[in-house]
N, C-alpha and C. Protein backbone atom coordinates (compact mmCIF):
# COMPACT_ATOMS: atom_id res chain seq x y z
N UNK A 1 81.89 119.72 104.37
CA UNK A 1 82.89 119.33 105.35
C UNK A 1 83.00 117.81 105.39
N UNK A 2 84.22 117.32 105.52
CA UNK A 2 84.41 115.88 105.65
C UNK A 2 84.41 115.10 104.36
N UNK A 3 84.52 115.78 103.23
CA UNK A 3 84.51 115.09 101.94
C UNK A 3 85.92 114.85 101.39
N UNK A 4 86.94 115.26 102.13
CA UNK A 4 88.31 115.00 101.72
C UNK A 4 88.92 116.01 100.78
N UNK A 5 88.41 117.24 100.78
CA UNK A 5 88.96 118.26 99.88
C UNK A 5 90.43 118.52 100.15
N UNK A 6 90.79 118.70 101.41
CA UNK A 6 92.19 118.98 101.76
C UNK A 6 93.09 117.81 101.38
N UNK A 7 92.68 116.62 101.74
CA UNK A 7 93.49 115.43 101.45
C UNK A 7 93.68 115.25 99.94
N UNK A 8 92.64 115.45 99.16
CA UNK A 8 92.76 115.34 97.71
C UNK A 8 93.69 116.41 97.16
N UNK A 9 93.57 117.62 97.67
CA UNK A 9 94.44 118.71 97.22
C UNK A 9 95.89 118.41 97.57
N UNK A 10 96.14 117.94 98.78
CA UNK A 10 97.51 117.63 99.21
C UNK A 10 98.08 116.49 98.38
N UNK A 11 97.30 115.47 98.11
CA UNK A 11 97.77 114.36 97.27
C UNK A 11 98.14 114.86 95.88
N UNK A 12 97.34 115.76 95.34
CA UNK A 12 97.62 116.32 94.02
C UNK A 12 98.84 117.23 94.05
N UNK A 13 98.97 118.02 95.10
CA UNK A 13 100.15 118.88 95.27
C UNK A 13 101.40 118.01 95.31
N UNK A 14 101.32 116.94 96.08
CA UNK A 14 102.45 116.02 96.21
C UNK A 14 102.86 115.45 94.84
N UNK A 15 101.89 115.06 94.06
CA UNK A 15 102.18 114.54 92.71
C UNK A 15 102.83 115.61 91.82
N UNK A 16 102.31 116.83 91.88
CA UNK A 16 102.87 117.91 91.08
C UNK A 16 104.31 118.22 91.49
N UNK A 17 104.58 118.21 92.79
CA UNK A 17 105.94 118.49 93.27
C UNK A 17 106.88 117.35 92.89
N UNK A 18 106.44 116.13 93.08
CA UNK A 18 107.30 114.96 92.75
C UNK A 18 107.62 114.91 91.25
N UNK A 19 106.67 115.30 90.42
CA UNK A 19 106.90 115.27 88.96
C UNK A 19 107.58 116.55 88.47
N UNK A 20 107.91 117.44 89.40
CA UNK A 20 108.57 118.71 89.11
C UNK A 20 107.72 119.65 88.26
N UNK A 21 106.41 119.44 88.27
CA UNK A 21 105.50 120.37 87.60
C UNK A 21 105.17 121.56 88.50
N UNK A 22 105.51 121.44 89.78
CA UNK A 22 105.30 122.54 90.72
C UNK A 22 106.51 122.59 91.65
N UNK A 23 107.07 123.77 91.77
CA UNK A 23 108.19 123.98 92.69
C UNK A 23 107.79 124.90 93.83
N UNK A 24 106.77 125.71 93.59
CA UNK A 24 106.33 126.67 94.61
C UNK A 24 104.81 126.71 94.63
N UNK A 25 104.24 126.27 95.76
CA UNK A 25 102.80 126.20 95.94
C UNK A 25 102.41 127.09 97.11
N UNK A 26 101.34 127.84 96.93
CA UNK A 26 100.79 128.66 98.01
C UNK A 26 99.41 128.14 98.36
N UNK A 27 99.19 127.86 99.64
CA UNK A 27 97.87 127.50 100.14
C UNK A 27 97.38 128.67 100.96
N UNK A 28 96.21 129.20 100.62
CA UNK A 28 95.60 130.31 101.34
C UNK A 28 94.34 129.78 102.01
N UNK A 29 94.21 130.04 103.30
CA UNK A 29 93.07 129.52 104.06
C UNK A 29 92.70 130.51 105.17
N UNK A 30 91.55 130.32 105.80
CA UNK A 30 91.21 131.14 106.95
C UNK A 30 92.24 130.94 108.07
N UNK A 31 92.44 131.96 108.87
CA UNK A 31 93.46 131.93 109.93
C UNK A 31 93.31 130.71 110.83
N UNK A 32 92.10 130.35 111.17
CA UNK A 32 91.86 129.22 112.05
C UNK A 32 92.21 127.87 111.46
N UNK A 33 92.46 127.81 110.16
CA UNK A 33 92.78 126.54 109.50
C UNK A 33 94.26 126.39 109.14
N UNK A 34 95.08 127.39 109.43
CA UNK A 34 96.51 127.31 109.09
C UNK A 34 97.16 126.12 109.78
N UNK A 35 96.93 125.96 111.07
CA UNK A 35 97.50 124.84 111.82
C UNK A 35 96.99 123.51 111.28
N UNK A 36 95.72 123.46 110.92
CA UNK A 36 95.15 122.24 110.37
C UNK A 36 95.83 121.88 109.04
N UNK A 37 96.07 122.86 108.18
CA UNK A 37 96.74 122.59 106.92
C UNK A 37 98.16 122.09 107.16
N UNK A 38 98.85 122.68 108.12
CA UNK A 38 100.21 122.22 108.43
C UNK A 38 100.18 120.76 108.88
N UNK A 39 99.24 120.42 109.74
CA UNK A 39 99.11 119.05 110.23
C UNK A 39 98.75 118.09 109.09
N UNK A 40 97.79 118.48 108.27
CA UNK A 40 97.38 117.64 107.14
C UNK A 40 98.54 117.42 106.15
N UNK A 41 99.31 118.47 105.91
CA UNK A 41 100.47 118.33 105.02
C UNK A 41 101.50 117.38 105.64
N UNK A 42 101.71 117.48 106.95
CA UNK A 42 102.64 116.57 107.62
C UNK A 42 102.14 115.13 107.56
N UNK A 43 100.82 114.94 107.66
CA UNK A 43 100.24 113.59 107.62
C UNK A 43 100.28 112.98 106.23
N UNK A 44 99.88 113.76 105.21
CA UNK A 44 99.71 113.22 103.86
C UNK A 44 100.92 113.40 102.96
N UNK A 45 101.82 114.32 103.30
CA UNK A 45 103.02 114.55 102.47
C UNK A 45 104.19 114.94 103.39
N UNK A 46 104.61 114.03 104.27
CA UNK A 46 105.61 114.38 105.28
C UNK A 46 106.96 114.80 104.72
N UNK A 47 107.26 114.43 103.48
CA UNK A 47 108.56 114.76 102.90
C UNK A 47 108.63 116.19 102.35
N UNK A 48 107.49 116.88 102.29
CA UNK A 48 107.45 118.22 101.70
C UNK A 48 107.64 119.28 102.78
N UNK A 49 108.62 120.15 102.56
CA UNK A 49 108.86 121.25 103.49
C UNK A 49 107.75 122.29 103.36
N UNK A 50 107.31 122.81 104.49
CA UNK A 50 106.21 123.76 104.53
C UNK A 50 106.61 124.98 105.35
N UNK A 51 106.31 126.16 104.85
CA UNK A 51 106.52 127.40 105.58
C UNK A 51 105.16 128.02 105.89
N UNK A 52 105.01 128.53 107.10
CA UNK A 52 103.80 129.24 107.50
C UNK A 52 104.16 130.73 107.55
N UNK A 53 103.32 131.56 106.93
CA UNK A 53 103.57 133.00 106.94
C UNK A 53 102.69 133.63 108.01
N UNK A 54 103.37 134.22 109.02
CA UNK A 54 102.65 134.85 110.14
C UNK A 54 103.62 135.75 110.89
N UNK A 55 103.08 136.55 111.80
CA UNK A 55 103.93 137.39 112.65
C UNK A 55 104.15 138.78 112.10
N UNK A 56 105.16 139.47 112.66
CA UNK A 56 105.45 140.85 112.23
C UNK A 56 105.99 140.89 110.79
N UNK A 57 105.98 142.06 110.20
CA UNK A 57 106.31 142.24 108.80
C UNK A 57 107.70 141.72 108.43
N UNK A 58 108.71 141.97 109.27
CA UNK A 58 110.06 141.50 108.94
C UNK A 58 110.11 139.98 108.90
N UNK A 59 109.42 139.36 109.82
CA UNK A 59 109.36 137.89 109.84
C UNK A 59 108.62 137.37 108.60
N UNK A 60 107.50 138.04 108.27
CA UNK A 60 106.74 137.61 107.09
C UNK A 60 107.55 137.79 105.81
N UNK A 61 108.31 138.88 105.72
CA UNK A 61 109.17 139.10 104.55
C UNK A 61 110.12 137.92 104.39
N UNK A 62 110.75 137.49 105.47
CA UNK A 62 111.67 136.35 105.44
C UNK A 62 110.93 135.06 105.07
N UNK A 63 109.73 134.86 105.67
CA UNK A 63 108.96 133.64 105.39
C UNK A 63 108.53 133.57 103.93
N UNK A 64 108.09 134.70 103.37
CA UNK A 64 107.72 134.71 101.96
C UNK A 64 108.92 134.39 101.08
N UNK A 65 110.11 134.79 101.49
CA UNK A 65 111.32 134.60 100.69
C UNK A 65 111.89 133.20 100.76
N UNK A 66 111.43 132.39 101.70
CA UNK A 66 111.95 131.03 101.82
C UNK A 66 111.67 130.24 100.54
N UNK A 67 112.64 129.46 100.14
CA UNK A 67 112.48 128.65 98.93
C UNK A 67 112.04 127.25 99.35
N UNK A 68 110.77 127.12 99.73
CA UNK A 68 110.21 125.83 100.13
C UNK A 68 109.08 125.48 99.17
N UNK A 69 108.79 124.19 99.03
CA UNK A 69 107.76 123.79 98.07
C UNK A 69 106.36 124.32 98.40
N UNK A 70 105.99 124.36 99.69
CA UNK A 70 104.63 124.78 100.05
C UNK A 70 104.68 125.87 101.11
N UNK A 71 103.95 126.93 100.85
CA UNK A 71 103.78 128.02 101.80
C UNK A 71 102.30 128.11 102.14
N UNK A 72 102.00 128.28 103.43
CA UNK A 72 100.62 128.42 103.88
C UNK A 72 100.46 129.80 104.51
N UNK A 73 99.44 130.53 104.07
CA UNK A 73 99.15 131.85 104.61
C UNK A 73 97.65 132.01 104.74
N UNK A 74 97.24 132.86 105.67
CA UNK A 74 95.80 133.12 105.79
C UNK A 74 95.41 134.31 104.91
N UNK A 75 94.12 134.45 104.68
CA UNK A 75 93.62 135.49 103.78
C UNK A 75 94.02 136.89 104.24
N UNK A 76 93.96 137.14 105.55
CA UNK A 76 94.28 138.47 106.06
C UNK A 76 95.75 138.82 105.82
N UNK A 77 96.65 137.87 106.02
CA UNK A 77 98.08 138.10 105.75
C UNK A 77 98.28 138.39 104.27
N UNK A 78 97.59 137.66 103.43
CA UNK A 78 97.73 137.86 101.99
C UNK A 78 97.30 139.28 101.59
N UNK A 79 96.18 139.75 102.14
CA UNK A 79 95.71 141.11 101.85
C UNK A 79 96.73 142.12 102.37
N UNK A 80 97.20 141.91 103.59
CA UNK A 80 98.16 142.82 104.22
C UNK A 80 99.48 142.88 103.45
N UNK A 81 99.89 141.75 102.85
CA UNK A 81 101.20 141.66 102.21
C UNK A 81 101.17 141.81 100.69
N UNK A 82 100.08 142.34 100.15
CA UNK A 82 99.98 142.50 98.69
C UNK A 82 101.18 143.22 98.09
N UNK A 83 101.53 144.36 98.68
CA UNK A 83 102.64 145.16 98.15
C UNK A 83 103.97 144.43 98.34
N UNK A 84 104.13 143.76 99.46
CA UNK A 84 105.35 142.99 99.73
C UNK A 84 105.54 141.88 98.69
N UNK A 85 104.46 141.17 98.37
CA UNK A 85 104.54 140.11 97.37
C UNK A 85 104.94 140.67 96.01
N UNK A 86 104.39 141.82 95.67
CA UNK A 86 104.73 142.46 94.40
C UNK A 86 106.20 142.90 94.42
N UNK A 87 106.63 143.46 95.54
CA UNK A 87 108.02 143.90 95.69
C UNK A 87 108.99 142.73 95.56
N UNK A 88 108.65 141.61 96.15
CA UNK A 88 109.50 140.41 96.09
C UNK A 88 109.41 139.71 94.73
N UNK A 89 108.40 140.07 93.94
CA UNK A 89 108.23 139.46 92.62
C UNK A 89 107.91 137.98 92.69
N UNK A 90 107.16 137.59 93.72
CA UNK A 90 106.85 136.17 93.90
C UNK A 90 105.85 135.68 92.87
N UNK A 91 106.10 134.48 92.38
CA UNK A 91 105.14 133.80 91.53
C UNK A 91 105.03 132.37 92.02
N UNK A 92 103.92 131.76 91.71
CA UNK A 92 103.63 130.41 92.21
C UNK A 92 103.22 129.51 91.05
N UNK A 93 103.61 128.25 91.16
CA UNK A 93 103.17 127.27 90.18
C UNK A 93 101.72 126.88 90.42
N UNK A 94 101.30 126.99 91.68
CA UNK A 94 99.93 126.65 92.05
C UNK A 94 99.52 127.48 93.25
N UNK A 95 98.33 128.04 93.21
CA UNK A 95 97.73 128.68 94.37
C UNK A 95 96.43 127.95 94.67
N UNK A 96 96.32 127.47 95.91
CA UNK A 96 95.13 126.74 96.36
C UNK A 96 94.42 127.60 97.39
N UNK A 97 93.14 127.86 97.16
CA UNK A 97 92.33 128.58 98.14
C UNK A 97 91.44 127.60 98.87
N UNK A 98 91.53 127.56 100.18
CA UNK A 98 90.62 126.76 100.98
C UNK A 98 89.53 127.70 101.49
N UNK A 99 88.32 127.18 101.57
CA UNK A 99 87.16 128.02 101.92
C UNK A 99 87.10 129.19 100.94
N UNK A 100 87.13 128.85 99.66
CA UNK A 100 87.22 129.84 98.59
C UNK A 100 86.04 130.79 98.51
N UNK A 101 84.96 130.48 99.20
CA UNK A 101 83.83 131.42 99.22
C UNK A 101 84.25 132.76 99.83
N UNK A 102 85.41 132.81 100.46
CA UNK A 102 85.93 134.07 101.02
C UNK A 102 86.20 135.11 99.93
N UNK A 103 86.29 134.68 98.66
CA UNK A 103 86.56 135.64 97.57
C UNK A 103 85.34 135.86 96.69
N UNK A 104 84.15 135.51 97.18
CA UNK A 104 82.95 135.60 96.36
C UNK A 104 82.60 137.03 95.95
N UNK A 105 82.99 138.02 96.75
CA UNK A 105 82.69 139.41 96.45
C UNK A 105 83.77 139.97 95.53
N UNK A 106 83.42 140.21 94.27
CA UNK A 106 84.38 140.69 93.27
C UNK A 106 85.08 141.99 93.65
N UNK A 107 84.44 142.82 94.44
CA UNK A 107 85.02 144.12 94.77
C UNK A 107 85.78 144.11 96.10
N UNK A 108 85.90 142.96 96.74
CA UNK A 108 86.57 142.91 98.04
C UNK A 108 88.09 142.95 97.89
N UNK A 109 88.75 143.42 98.93
CA UNK A 109 90.21 143.44 98.95
C UNK A 109 90.76 142.02 98.87
N UNK A 110 90.07 141.08 99.48
CA UNK A 110 90.52 139.69 99.47
C UNK A 110 90.51 139.15 98.04
N UNK A 111 89.43 139.39 97.31
CA UNK A 111 89.35 138.94 95.92
C UNK A 111 90.48 139.57 95.10
N UNK A 112 90.70 140.86 95.27
CA UNK A 112 91.75 141.54 94.50
C UNK A 112 93.13 141.00 94.84
N UNK A 113 93.40 140.78 96.12
CA UNK A 113 94.71 140.27 96.54
C UNK A 113 94.97 138.89 95.94
N UNK A 114 93.96 138.03 95.99
CA UNK A 114 94.10 136.66 95.48
C UNK A 114 94.24 136.66 93.97
N UNK A 115 93.41 137.41 93.28
CA UNK A 115 93.43 137.41 91.82
C UNK A 115 94.68 138.07 91.25
N UNK A 116 95.35 138.91 92.03
CA UNK A 116 96.57 139.56 91.55
C UNK A 116 97.82 138.72 91.77
N UNK A 117 97.69 137.56 92.41
CA UNK A 117 98.84 136.68 92.58
C UNK A 117 99.30 136.16 91.22
N UNK A 118 100.59 136.13 91.01
CA UNK A 118 101.14 135.59 89.77
C UNK A 118 101.22 134.08 89.95
N UNK A 119 100.55 133.35 89.05
CA UNK A 119 100.44 131.90 89.22
C UNK A 119 100.20 131.23 87.88
N UNK A 120 100.55 129.93 87.84
CA UNK A 120 100.29 129.12 86.65
C UNK A 120 98.98 128.37 86.78
N UNK A 121 98.69 127.87 88.00
CA UNK A 121 97.46 127.10 88.25
C UNK A 121 96.71 127.72 89.41
N UNK A 122 95.38 127.60 89.36
CA UNK A 122 94.52 128.13 90.42
C UNK A 122 93.48 127.09 90.80
N UNK A 123 93.46 126.73 92.09
CA UNK A 123 92.45 125.80 92.59
C UNK A 123 91.67 126.48 93.70
N UNK A 124 90.38 126.25 93.73
CA UNK A 124 89.50 126.79 94.77
C UNK A 124 88.76 125.63 95.43
N UNK A 125 88.94 125.48 96.72
CA UNK A 125 88.25 124.43 97.48
C UNK A 125 87.16 125.08 98.32
N UNK A 126 85.94 124.55 98.19
CA UNK A 126 84.84 125.05 99.01
C UNK A 126 83.71 124.04 99.00
N UNK A 127 83.05 123.95 100.12
CA UNK A 127 81.84 123.13 100.20
C UNK A 127 80.61 123.95 99.87
N UNK A 128 80.77 125.26 99.80
CA UNK A 128 79.64 126.16 99.54
C UNK A 128 80.03 127.22 98.50
N UNK A 129 80.12 126.83 97.22
CA UNK A 129 80.51 127.80 96.19
C UNK A 129 79.47 128.89 95.98
N UNK A 130 78.21 128.58 96.28
CA UNK A 130 77.14 129.56 96.14
C UNK A 130 76.41 129.64 97.47
N UNK A 131 76.66 130.71 98.22
CA UNK A 131 76.00 130.88 99.51
C UNK A 131 74.72 131.70 99.40
N UNK A 132 74.79 132.78 98.61
CA UNK A 132 73.65 133.69 98.52
C UNK A 132 73.05 133.79 97.13
N UNK A 133 73.90 133.88 96.13
CA UNK A 133 73.41 134.02 94.75
C UNK A 133 74.46 133.49 93.79
N UNK A 134 74.07 133.37 92.53
CA UNK A 134 75.02 132.88 91.52
C UNK A 134 76.20 133.84 91.35
N UNK A 135 76.05 135.06 91.79
CA UNK A 135 77.12 136.06 91.75
C UNK A 135 78.34 135.58 92.57
N UNK A 136 78.09 134.77 93.60
CA UNK A 136 79.18 134.22 94.42
C UNK A 136 80.13 133.39 93.55
N UNK A 137 79.56 132.64 92.63
CA UNK A 137 80.36 131.79 91.74
C UNK A 137 81.22 132.63 90.80
N UNK A 138 80.72 133.77 90.40
CA UNK A 138 81.47 134.68 89.52
C UNK A 138 82.75 135.12 90.23
N UNK A 139 82.65 135.46 91.52
CA UNK A 139 83.83 135.87 92.28
C UNK A 139 84.88 134.79 92.36
N UNK A 140 84.46 133.55 92.58
CA UNK A 140 85.41 132.43 92.66
C UNK A 140 86.02 132.16 91.29
N UNK A 141 85.20 132.20 90.24
CA UNK A 141 85.72 131.94 88.89
C UNK A 141 86.60 133.07 88.38
N UNK A 142 86.48 134.24 88.96
CA UNK A 142 87.39 135.32 88.61
C UNK A 142 88.83 134.91 88.94
N UNK A 143 88.99 134.04 89.93
CA UNK A 143 90.30 133.50 90.31
C UNK A 143 90.64 132.23 89.53
N UNK A 144 89.72 131.30 89.47
CA UNK A 144 89.99 129.98 88.88
C UNK A 144 90.13 130.04 87.36
N UNK A 145 89.20 130.69 86.70
CA UNK A 145 89.20 130.76 85.24
C UNK A 145 88.61 132.11 84.82
N UNK A 146 89.41 133.17 84.91
CA UNK A 146 88.90 134.51 84.61
C UNK A 146 88.20 134.58 83.26
N UNK A 147 87.01 135.17 83.25
CA UNK A 147 86.24 135.34 82.02
C UNK A 147 85.38 134.14 81.64
N UNK A 148 85.52 133.04 82.33
CA UNK A 148 84.75 131.83 82.01
C UNK A 148 83.25 132.03 82.26
N UNK A 149 82.93 132.70 83.37
CA UNK A 149 81.53 133.02 83.65
C UNK A 149 81.43 134.48 84.05
N UNK A 150 80.26 135.05 83.86
CA UNK A 150 80.04 136.45 84.24
C UNK A 150 78.63 136.63 84.76
N UNK A 151 78.40 137.76 85.36
CA UNK A 151 77.12 138.01 86.04
C UNK A 151 75.94 138.19 85.08
N UNK A 152 76.19 138.38 83.79
CA UNK A 152 75.10 138.49 82.82
C UNK A 152 74.54 137.12 82.43
N UNK A 153 75.25 136.06 82.74
CA UNK A 153 74.82 134.71 82.38
C UNK A 153 73.68 134.25 83.28
N UNK A 154 72.82 133.42 82.74
CA UNK A 154 71.78 132.82 83.56
C UNK A 154 72.43 131.76 84.46
N UNK A 155 71.79 131.43 85.59
CA UNK A 155 72.36 130.38 86.44
C UNK A 155 72.62 129.07 85.68
N UNK A 156 71.72 128.71 84.77
CA UNK A 156 71.91 127.48 83.98
C UNK A 156 73.15 127.59 83.10
N UNK A 157 73.32 128.74 82.43
CA UNK A 157 74.50 128.95 81.57
C UNK A 157 75.78 128.94 82.40
N UNK A 158 75.72 129.53 83.60
CA UNK A 158 76.89 129.51 84.49
C UNK A 158 77.26 128.08 84.84
N UNK A 159 76.25 127.30 85.19
CA UNK A 159 76.49 125.90 85.54
C UNK A 159 77.15 125.13 84.41
N UNK A 160 76.66 125.34 83.20
CA UNK A 160 77.23 124.65 82.04
C UNK A 160 78.67 125.12 81.78
N UNK A 161 78.92 126.42 81.92
CA UNK A 161 80.26 126.97 81.67
C UNK A 161 81.25 126.53 82.75
N UNK A 162 80.75 126.24 83.94
CA UNK A 162 81.61 125.86 85.06
C UNK A 162 81.90 124.36 85.11
N UNK A 163 81.15 123.57 84.38
CA UNK A 163 81.22 122.11 84.47
C UNK A 163 82.63 121.55 84.39
N UNK A 164 83.42 122.00 83.44
CA UNK A 164 84.77 121.46 83.26
C UNK A 164 85.74 121.86 84.37
N UNK A 165 85.34 122.78 85.22
CA UNK A 165 86.21 123.28 86.29
C UNK A 165 85.79 122.83 87.68
N UNK A 166 84.73 122.07 87.76
CA UNK A 166 84.17 121.72 89.07
C UNK A 166 84.25 120.21 89.29
N UNK A 167 84.76 119.84 90.45
CA UNK A 167 84.75 118.46 90.89
C UNK A 167 83.85 118.44 92.12
N UNK A 168 82.71 117.83 92.00
CA UNK A 168 81.72 117.84 93.09
C UNK A 168 81.57 116.46 93.69
N UNK A 169 81.62 116.42 95.00
CA UNK A 169 81.43 115.17 95.74
C UNK A 169 80.30 115.36 96.75
N UNK A 170 79.58 114.29 97.00
CA UNK A 170 78.57 114.31 98.04
C UNK A 170 78.94 113.23 99.06
N UNK A 171 78.45 113.37 100.28
CA UNK A 171 78.82 112.44 101.34
C UNK A 171 78.50 110.99 101.00
N UNK A 172 77.42 110.77 100.30
CA UNK A 172 77.06 109.39 99.97
C UNK A 172 78.00 108.75 98.94
N UNK A 173 78.80 109.56 98.24
CA UNK A 173 79.74 109.03 97.25
C UNK A 173 81.17 108.92 97.77
N UNK A 174 81.41 109.44 98.96
CA UNK A 174 82.79 109.42 99.51
C UNK A 174 82.96 108.21 100.38
């Protein structure tokens, strides 16, 4: 916490949108952080239109259909709207997961919903990529770089395979 993950992600999103490398970005976060993401986006990228997906199904259908550069949804809405997203045929240039440890369990509905999103780029933000075991990292990498690491690998081999996909900061370096 406090290492600037959101701000760095928003700055990068802003660059991708300005360079036209991204036209549709989805940010997925815990429900309690949706308002924070909206505020951070307003602070760091005020020119970018943002849609929040929430409320009853008809409202969410309309919100998902909006043609705005950034959409923010919580994990529960994403799981609930899996079929709706497939029906709408939505695809994203970038999907950003905040508190990505939420998808550490490979067999969870949340992991399946996130990994089934059609996307060109996948980013996972977390201060705790491994909470209980190295298996947690496998769940996150199933989204970020499918097949890059697996549960048969030793923790050392996982670390080496993950190196090119991980940007790690510590408080003393920020």
